[in-house]
Amino acid sequence: MDDSSSTIDSGPTLSLAAYTLRAGTTLTYQVDIAQDITMAVVGDMSTLGEEDFPGDSEVSLTGSATFTQTVADGPRPGTIEVRVTGEFTDLTVSGTVAGESVDEVPEFADLGPIDSTFVVDEKGRIIGSDAGLDDPLGGLMDPGALDPGTLPGLDPGRFLGPELPDDAIGVGDGWETESELPGFGQDPVVVTNSSTVTGSEEIDGISLLVIDTEVSTSRVEVDLGELLLGMFGAFTEDMEPEEAAQFDELLENLKFLMFIDGAMSDTTTWVDPTDGVVWQAESVASAGMGVDMSVPDGDTGDLIEGTVEMTLRQNLAYRLTEGPSA
């Protein structure tokens, strides 16, 4: 593909009713990313791993990747399964971690290889995913289990296009959709999408719809205190009465609260209305996460207290390089 494009046309000349990607379709995208991560740590977070929460940090990184989307039939009619693979390379990093300058990506900012699979219906609504939120307790003590990147708008691997309304859309149309994703504890994550078709544009001789979408998610929160209470409470069975009484007093102050503040993203996509293929997209997103804990040390029984707050700001850009009509 070349970068030739025409000025946006506000005339209502195009419409899009559904994503009609066929099984066997392969799409390749050039993806560029820029992230700013700020971390503030108070107290002792060694229980969660020194490499994950080393101290107050400010890190910026940029990189690029080639993403391959492979489309297969979904589990039921009217759905498709999309697998996304790729890896960010040539990462450039700057900033400080615990007061020390860095020239390598720290563990808490590592993007890692992308290999994710999600299932969507013809309107682009995600109805299944292998993202971390689907199994939040699988890595209970791993901060990666509470990764803002698993939320819509922040997950570079979960990329298709905006959710569509029930009716066909054209230039000037606006709509809002709301969906739920599995969350921590009993509460799901509520995802709100607000989209508007702002115009049409021709790129490489293909007329595309230009869609602006704002995505927001509800706060994700889980208090693991009761679960940990049961785990640590079992230790008192082998203690002397006086020692057990002291340990019980510590357990009364036990706390382990994990949260992700509502994520937000603002994305512009250029979509081929004939099949719903996204030719390019630009996204700006942000989210915050935190852990507030007060837990007994498993060896000494002493109370370990600490908090961490992390803010992630991210810019993503996608450009189709291989695929239908590319």
Protein backbone atom coordinates (compact mmCIF):
# COMPACT_ATOMS: atom_id res chain seq x y z
CA MET A 1 0.00 0.00 0.00
CA ASP A 2 1.10 3.59 -0.57
CA ASP A 3 0.06 6.54 1.55
CA SER A 4 -1.93 8.41 -1.10
CA SER A 5 -5.29 9.66 0.17
CA SER A 6 -7.91 12.23 -0.67
CA THR A 7 -9.60 14.83 1.49
CA ILE A 8 -12.42 13.59 3.70
CA ASP A 9 -15.78 13.81 1.93
CA SER A 10 -18.79 14.55 4.14
CA GLY A 11 -21.30 13.24 1.60
CA PRO A 12 -23.34 10.16 2.69
CA THR A 13 -22.06 7.92 -0.10
CA LEU A 14 -21.06 4.76 1.80
CA SER A 15 -22.67 2.43 4.32
CA LEU A 16 -21.55 -0.45 6.54
CA ALA A 17 -23.92 -3.06 7.98
CA ALA A 18 -21.64 -5.81 9.33
CA TYR A 19 -18.15 -7.29 9.36
CA THR A 20 -18.09 -10.03 6.74
CA LEU A 21 -14.53 -11.30 6.98
CA ARG A 22 -14.35 -14.85 5.69
CA ALA A 23 -12.57 -17.81 7.27
CA GLY A 24 -9.09 -18.15 5.82
CA THR A 25 -8.59 -14.39 5.44
CA THR A 26 -5.19 -13.13 6.59
CA LEU A 27 -4.48 -9.47 7.29
CA THR A 28 -1.08 -7.96 8.03
CA TYR A 29 -0.64 -4.63 9.81
CA GLN A 30 2.30 -2.37 10.56
CA VAL A 31 1.76 -1.31 14.19
CA ASP A 32 3.54 1.54 15.99
CA ILE A 33 3.26 2.05 19.74
CA ALA A 34 4.29 4.73 22.23
CA GLN A 35 3.74 4.32 25.97
CA ASP A 36 4.29 6.47 29.03
CA ILE A 37 4.15 4.61 32.34
CA THR A 38 4.28 6.27 35.75
CA MET A 39 4.51 4.24 38.96
CA ALA A 40 4.35 5.42 42.56
CA VAL A 41 5.21 2.90 45.31
CA VAL A 42 4.84 3.34 49.06
CA GLY A 43 5.89 0.73 51.58
CA ASP A 44 7.03 -2.86 51.06
CA MET A 45 5.77 -4.52 47.86
CA SER A 46 8.29 -7.39 47.92
CA THR A 47 5.48 -9.95 48.28
CA LEU A 48 4.47 -9.12 44.71
CA GLY A 49 8.01 -9.31 43.36
CA GLU A 50 10.72 -6.67 43.38
CA GLU A 51 11.06 -6.84 39.59
CA ASP A 52 7.38 -5.96 39.15
CA PHE A 53 7.22 -3.07 41.62
CA PRO A 54 10.80 -1.84 42.11
CA GLY A 55 9.92 1.71 43.24
CA ASP A 56 8.84 5.09 41.88
CA SER A 57 9.33 4.99 38.13
CA GLU A 58 8.73 6.99 34.97
CA VAL A 59 9.28 5.11 31.72
CA SER A 60 8.62 5.99 28.09
CA LEU A 61 8.98 3.50 25.27
CA THR A 62 8.33 3.35 21.55
CA GLY A 63 8.41 0.44 19.14
CA SER A 64 6.93 -1.20 16.09
CA ALA A 65 5.60 -4.59 15.12
CA THR A 66 4.08 -6.57 12.29
CA PHE A 67 0.74 -8.06 13.37
CA THR A 68 -0.87 -10.95 11.53
CA GLN A 69 -4.62 -11.47 11.88
CA THR A 70 -5.86 -14.92 10.90
CA VAL A 71 -9.63 -15.29 10.55
CA ALA A 72 -11.47 -18.57 11.19
CA ASP A 73 -15.10 -19.58 11.62
CA GLY A 74 -16.46 -18.84 15.07
CA PRO A 75 -18.14 -21.35 17.38
CA ARG A 76 -21.60 -20.57 16.02
CA PRO A 77 -23.12 -19.05 12.85
CA GLY A 78 -22.63 -15.32 12.50
CA THR A 79 -19.35 -15.27 14.46
CA ILE A 80 -15.68 -15.23 13.51
CA GLU A 81 -12.55 -16.12 15.45
CA VAL A 82 -9.54 -13.84 15.04
CA ARG A 83 -6.04 -14.79 16.12
CA VAL A 84 -3.50 -11.98 16.34
CA THR A 85 0.24 -12.66 16.47
CA GLY A 86 3.23 -10.36 16.42
CA GLU A 87 6.07 -8.96 18.48
CA PHE A 88 7.26 -5.41 19.11
CA THR A 89 10.87 -4.99 18.06
CA ASP A 90 13.48 -2.24 18.14
CA LEU A 91 12.00 -0.88 21.36
CA THR A 92 13.43 2.43 22.51
CA VAL A 93 13.15 3.18 26.22
CA SER A 94 14.01 6.12 28.45
CA GLY A 95 13.26 7.20 32.00
CA THR A 96 14.05 6.15 35.54
CA VAL A 97 13.23 3.13 37.70
CA ALA A 98 13.71 3.53 41.46
CA GLY A 99 15.84 6.60 40.78
CA GLU A 100 18.13 4.87 38.27
CA SER A 101 18.24 5.70 34.55
CA VAL A 102 17.19 2.84 32.27
CA ASP A 103 18.18 1.87 28.75
CA GLU A 104 16.40 -1.51 28.75
CA VAL A 105 12.69 -2.20 29.09
CA PRO A 106 11.90 -3.02 32.76
CA GLU A 107 9.82 -6.11 33.50
CA PHE A 108 6.69 -4.18 34.46
CA ALA A 109 6.72 -2.39 31.07
CA ASP A 110 7.63 -5.40 28.93
CA LEU A 111 5.23 -5.73 26.00
CA GLY A 112 6.18 -9.32 25.20
CA PRO A 113 5.03 -11.28 22.14
CA ILE A 114 1.39 -10.84 21.09
CA ASP A 115 -0.59 -14.04 20.64
CA SER A 116 -4.26 -13.50 21.42
CA THR A 117 -7.50 -14.95 20.13
CA PHE A 118 -10.95 -13.43 20.35
CA VAL A 119 -14.39 -14.24 18.94
CA VAL A 120 -16.74 -11.55 17.65
CA ASP A 121 -20.17 -11.48 16.08
CA GLU A 122 -20.89 -9.74 12.76
CA LYS A 123 -21.31 -6.42 14.59
CA GLY A 124 -17.83 -6.62 16.09
CA ARG A 125 -19.00 -7.37 19.63
CA ILE A 126 -16.49 -9.52 21.51
CA ILE A 127 -18.23 -12.65 22.79
CA GLY A 128 -15.13 -14.60 23.85
CA SER A 129 -11.46 -13.90 24.49
CA ASP A 130 -8.34 -15.38 26.04
CA ALA A 131 -7.42 -12.00 27.60
CA GLY A 132 -6.33 -11.91 31.23
CA LEU A 133 -9.66 -10.67 32.57
CA ASP A 134 -11.28 -13.97 31.64
CA ASP A 135 -9.19 -15.77 34.27
CA PRO A 136 -8.22 -13.17 36.86
CA LEU A 137 -7.27 -15.60 39.62
CA GLY A 138 -5.02 -17.69 37.41
CA GLY A 139 -2.04 -15.55 38.44
CA LEU A 140 -3.23 -14.35 41.83
CA MET A 141 0.06 -12.93 43.06
CA ASP A 142 1.23 -11.79 39.64
CA PRO A 143 0.57 -8.08 38.90
CA GLY A 144 0.24 -9.06 35.25
CA ALA A 145 -3.15 -10.53 36.16
CA LEU A 146 -4.29 -6.95 36.71
CA ASP A 147 -2.94 -5.51 33.49
CA PRO A 148 -4.75 -2.46 32.03
CA GLY A 149 -3.62 -3.70 28.62
CA THR A 150 -6.25 -6.44 28.73
CA LEU A 151 -9.01 -3.80 28.51
CA PRO A 152 -10.57 -2.64 25.21
CA GLY A 153 -8.68 0.25 23.67
CA LEU A 154 -5.46 -0.68 25.47
CA ASP A 155 -4.90 -4.22 24.24
CA PRO A 156 -2.89 -3.88 20.98
CA GLY A 157 -3.73 -7.47 20.03
CA ARG A 158 -7.48 -7.16 20.31
CA PHE A 159 -8.03 -5.07 17.21
CA LEU A 160 -10.83 -5.32 14.64
CA GLY A 161 -12.90 -2.14 14.40
CA PRO A 162 -15.63 -0.32 16.32
CA GLU A 163 -18.76 -2.12 17.47
CA LEU A 164 -21.61 -1.55 15.00
CA PRO A 165 -25.29 -0.88 15.71
CA ASP A 166 -28.13 -3.13 14.55
CA ASP A 167 -28.80 -1.02 11.44
CA ALA A 168 -26.45 -0.07 8.61
CA ILE A 169 -24.47 3.13 9.15
CA GLY A 170 -23.36 5.90 6.81
CA VAL A 171 -21.65 9.27 6.95
CA GLY A 172 -23.13 11.43 9.70
CA ASP A 173 -24.56 8.54 11.75
CA GLY A 174 -23.78 8.18 15.43
CA TRP A 175 -24.56 5.38 17.89
CA GLU A 176 -23.68 3.99 21.30
CA THR A 177 -23.28 0.38 22.42
CA GLU A 178 -22.72 -1.17 25.83
CA SER A 179 -21.37 -4.62 26.61
CA GLU A 180 -19.96 -6.60 29.52
CA LEU A 181 -16.71 -8.52 29.89
CA PRO A 182 -15.88 -11.02 32.63
CA GLY A 183 -14.38 -9.11 35.54
CA PHE A 184 -12.79 -9.65 38.90
CA GLY A 185 -15.06 -10.93 41.66
CA GLN A 186 -18.76 -10.85 40.94
CA ASP A 187 -18.96 -7.64 38.93
CA PRO A 188 -18.42 -7.60 35.16
CA VAL A 189 -16.53 -4.87 33.34
CA VAL A 190 -19.00 -2.55 31.58
CA VAL A 191 -17.68 -1.29 28.23
CA THR A 192 -19.35 1.72 26.59
CA ASN A 193 -18.64 2.56 22.93
CA SER A 194 -19.73 5.87 21.41
CA SER A 195 -19.09 6.19 17.66
CA THR A 196 -19.72 8.65 14.84
CA VAL A 197 -19.06 8.31 11.10
CA THR A 198 -17.35 11.64 10.43
CA GLY A 199 -16.85 11.25 6.69
CA SER A 200 -15.42 9.14 3.89
CA GLU A 201 -11.93 9.09 2.45
CA GLU A 202 -10.23 7.45 -0.51
CA ILE A 203 -6.95 5.62 0.10
CA ASP A 204 -5.21 3.73 -2.70
CA GLY A 205 -8.37 4.01 -4.79
CA ILE A 206 -10.59 2.44 -2.09
CA SER A 207 -13.43 4.52 -0.58
CA LEU A 208 -13.42 4.13 3.19
CA LEU A 209 -15.63 5.24 6.05
CA VAL A 210 -13.92 7.32 8.74
CA ILE A 211 -15.27 6.45 12.20
CA ASP A 212 -14.40 8.18 15.48
CA THR A 213 -14.98 6.03 18.57
CA GLU A 214 -14.70 6.78 22.28
CA VAL A 215 -14.49 3.73 24.57
CA SER A 216 -14.76 3.79 28.35
CA THR A 217 -14.83 0.98 30.91
CA SER A 218 -16.11 0.82 34.45
CA ARG A 219 -13.72 0.57 37.38
CA VAL A 220 -12.42 -2.97 37.92
CA GLU A 221 -11.94 -3.86 41.57
CA VAL A 222 -11.40 -6.99 43.63
CA ASP A 223 -10.69 -7.39 47.32
CA LEU A 224 -8.82 -10.63 47.85
CA GLY A 225 -8.74 -10.22 51.62
CA GLU A 226 -11.22 -12.99 52.38
CA LEU A 227 -9.41 -15.44 50.11
CA LEU A 228 -6.07 -14.67 51.73
CA LEU A 229 -7.66 -14.84 55.17
CA GLY A 230 -8.47 -18.48 54.54
CA MET A 231 -4.96 -19.17 53.25
CA PHE A 232 -3.12 -17.53 56.16
CA GLY A 233 -5.66 -18.72 58.72
CA ALA A 234 -4.58 -22.31 58.14
CA PHE A 235 -1.13 -21.45 59.56
CA THR A 236 -2.56 -20.97 63.06
CA GLU A 237 -3.38 -24.68 63.37
CA ASP A 238 0.28 -25.50 64.10
CA MET A 239 0.93 -22.52 66.38
CA GLU A 240 1.04 -22.23 70.14
CA PRO A 241 -2.05 -20.45 71.57
CA GLU A 242 -0.19 -17.21 72.34
CA GLU A 243 1.45 -17.15 68.92
CA ALA A 244 -1.86 -17.95 67.22
CA ALA A 245 -3.58 -15.10 69.09
CA GLN A 246 -0.95 -12.65 67.86
CA PHE A 247 -1.31 -13.93 64.32
CA ASP A 248 -5.12 -13.63 64.50
CA GLU A 249 -4.68 -10.00 65.49
CA LEU A 250 -2.60 -9.43 62.39
CA LEU A 251 -5.24 -11.11 60.25
CA GLU A 252 -7.83 -8.61 61.49
CA ASN A 253 -5.89 -5.92 59.61
CA LEU A 254 -5.45 -8.00 56.47
CA LYS A 255 -6.20 -6.20 53.19
CA PHE A 256 -5.44 -6.91 49.56
CA LEU A 257 -7.32 -4.59 47.19
CA MET A 258 -6.52 -4.60 43.48
CA PHE A 259 -8.14 -2.23 40.97
CA ILE A 260 -8.04 -0.77 37.50
CA ASP A 261 -9.51 2.69 37.09
CA GLY A 262 -11.84 3.05 34.16
CA ALA A 263 -9.87 2.87 30.93
CA MET A 264 -10.60 5.38 28.17
CA SER A 265 -9.62 5.49 24.52
CA ASP A 266 -10.29 7.70 21.50
CA THR A 267 -9.82 5.93 18.17
CA THR A 268 -10.22 6.89 14.52
CA THR A 269 -10.57 4.00 12.06
CA TRP A 270 -10.67 3.94 8.28
CA VAL A 271 -12.94 1.01 7.32
CA ASP A 272 -13.76 -0.58 3.97
CA PRO A 273 -17.59 -0.76 4.08
CA THR A 274 -17.72 -3.73 1.69
CA ASP A 275 -16.24 -6.19 4.18
CA GLY A 276 -15.38 -4.23 7.32
CA VAL A 277 -11.61 -4.46 6.88
CA VAL A 278 -9.82 -1.72 8.80
CA TRP A 279 -7.19 -0.11 6.60
CA GLN A 280 -5.71 2.09 9.25
CA ALA A 281 -6.41 3.29 12.78
CA GLU A 282 -5.04 5.77 15.30
CA SER A 283 -5.76 5.43 19.01
CA VAL A 284 -4.99 7.39 22.18
CA ALA A 285 -5.79 5.60 25.45
CA SER A 286 -5.13 5.74 29.18
CA ALA A 287 -5.82 3.79 32.37
CA GLY A 288 -4.60 3.48 35.94
CA MET A 289 -4.17 0.52 38.24
CA GLY A 290 -3.33 0.01 41.86
CA VAL A 291 -2.72 -2.41 44.69
CA ASP A 292 -3.30 -1.57 48.36
CA MET A 293 -2.23 -4.36 50.68
CA SER A 294 -1.63 -5.21 54.30
CA VAL A 295 -0.76 -8.92 54.67
CA PRO A 296 1.23 -11.08 57.11
CA ASP A 297 4.58 -12.38 55.97
CA GLY A 298 4.33 -16.13 55.49
CA ASP A 299 7.64 -16.77 57.30
CA THR A 300 7.74 -14.22 60.12
CA GLY A 301 4.07 -13.32 60.55
CA ASP A 302 5.00 -9.62 60.53
CA LEU A 303 2.56 -7.30 58.79
CA ILE A 304 3.67 -6.17 55.33
CA GLU A 305 2.04 -2.96 54.14
CA GLY A 306 2.35 -1.23 50.80
CA THR A 307 0.56 0.54 47.97
CA VAL A 308 1.34 1.01 44.31
CA GLU A 309 -0.37 3.17 41.71
CA MET A 310 0.45 2.96 38.03
CA THR A 311 -0.75 5.15 35.14
CA LEU A 312 -0.49 4.04 31.52
CA ARG A 313 -0.88 6.35 28.53
CA GLN A 314 -0.63 4.80 25.10
CA ASN A 315 -0.68 5.80 21.44
CA LEU A 316 -1.23 3.12 18.78
CA ALA A 317 -1.24 3.36 15.00
CA TYR A 318 -2.17 0.54 12.58
CA ARG A 319 -1.68 0.43 8.82
CA LEU A 320 -2.77 -2.45 6.59
CA THR A 321 0.10 -3.75 4.49
CA GLU A 322 -1.25 -7.09 3.22
CA GLY A 323 -4.79 -8.38 2.89
CA PRO A 324 -7.93 -8.09 0.75
CA SER A 325 -7.43 -5.34 -1.85
CA ALA A 326 -4.29 -4.10 -0.08
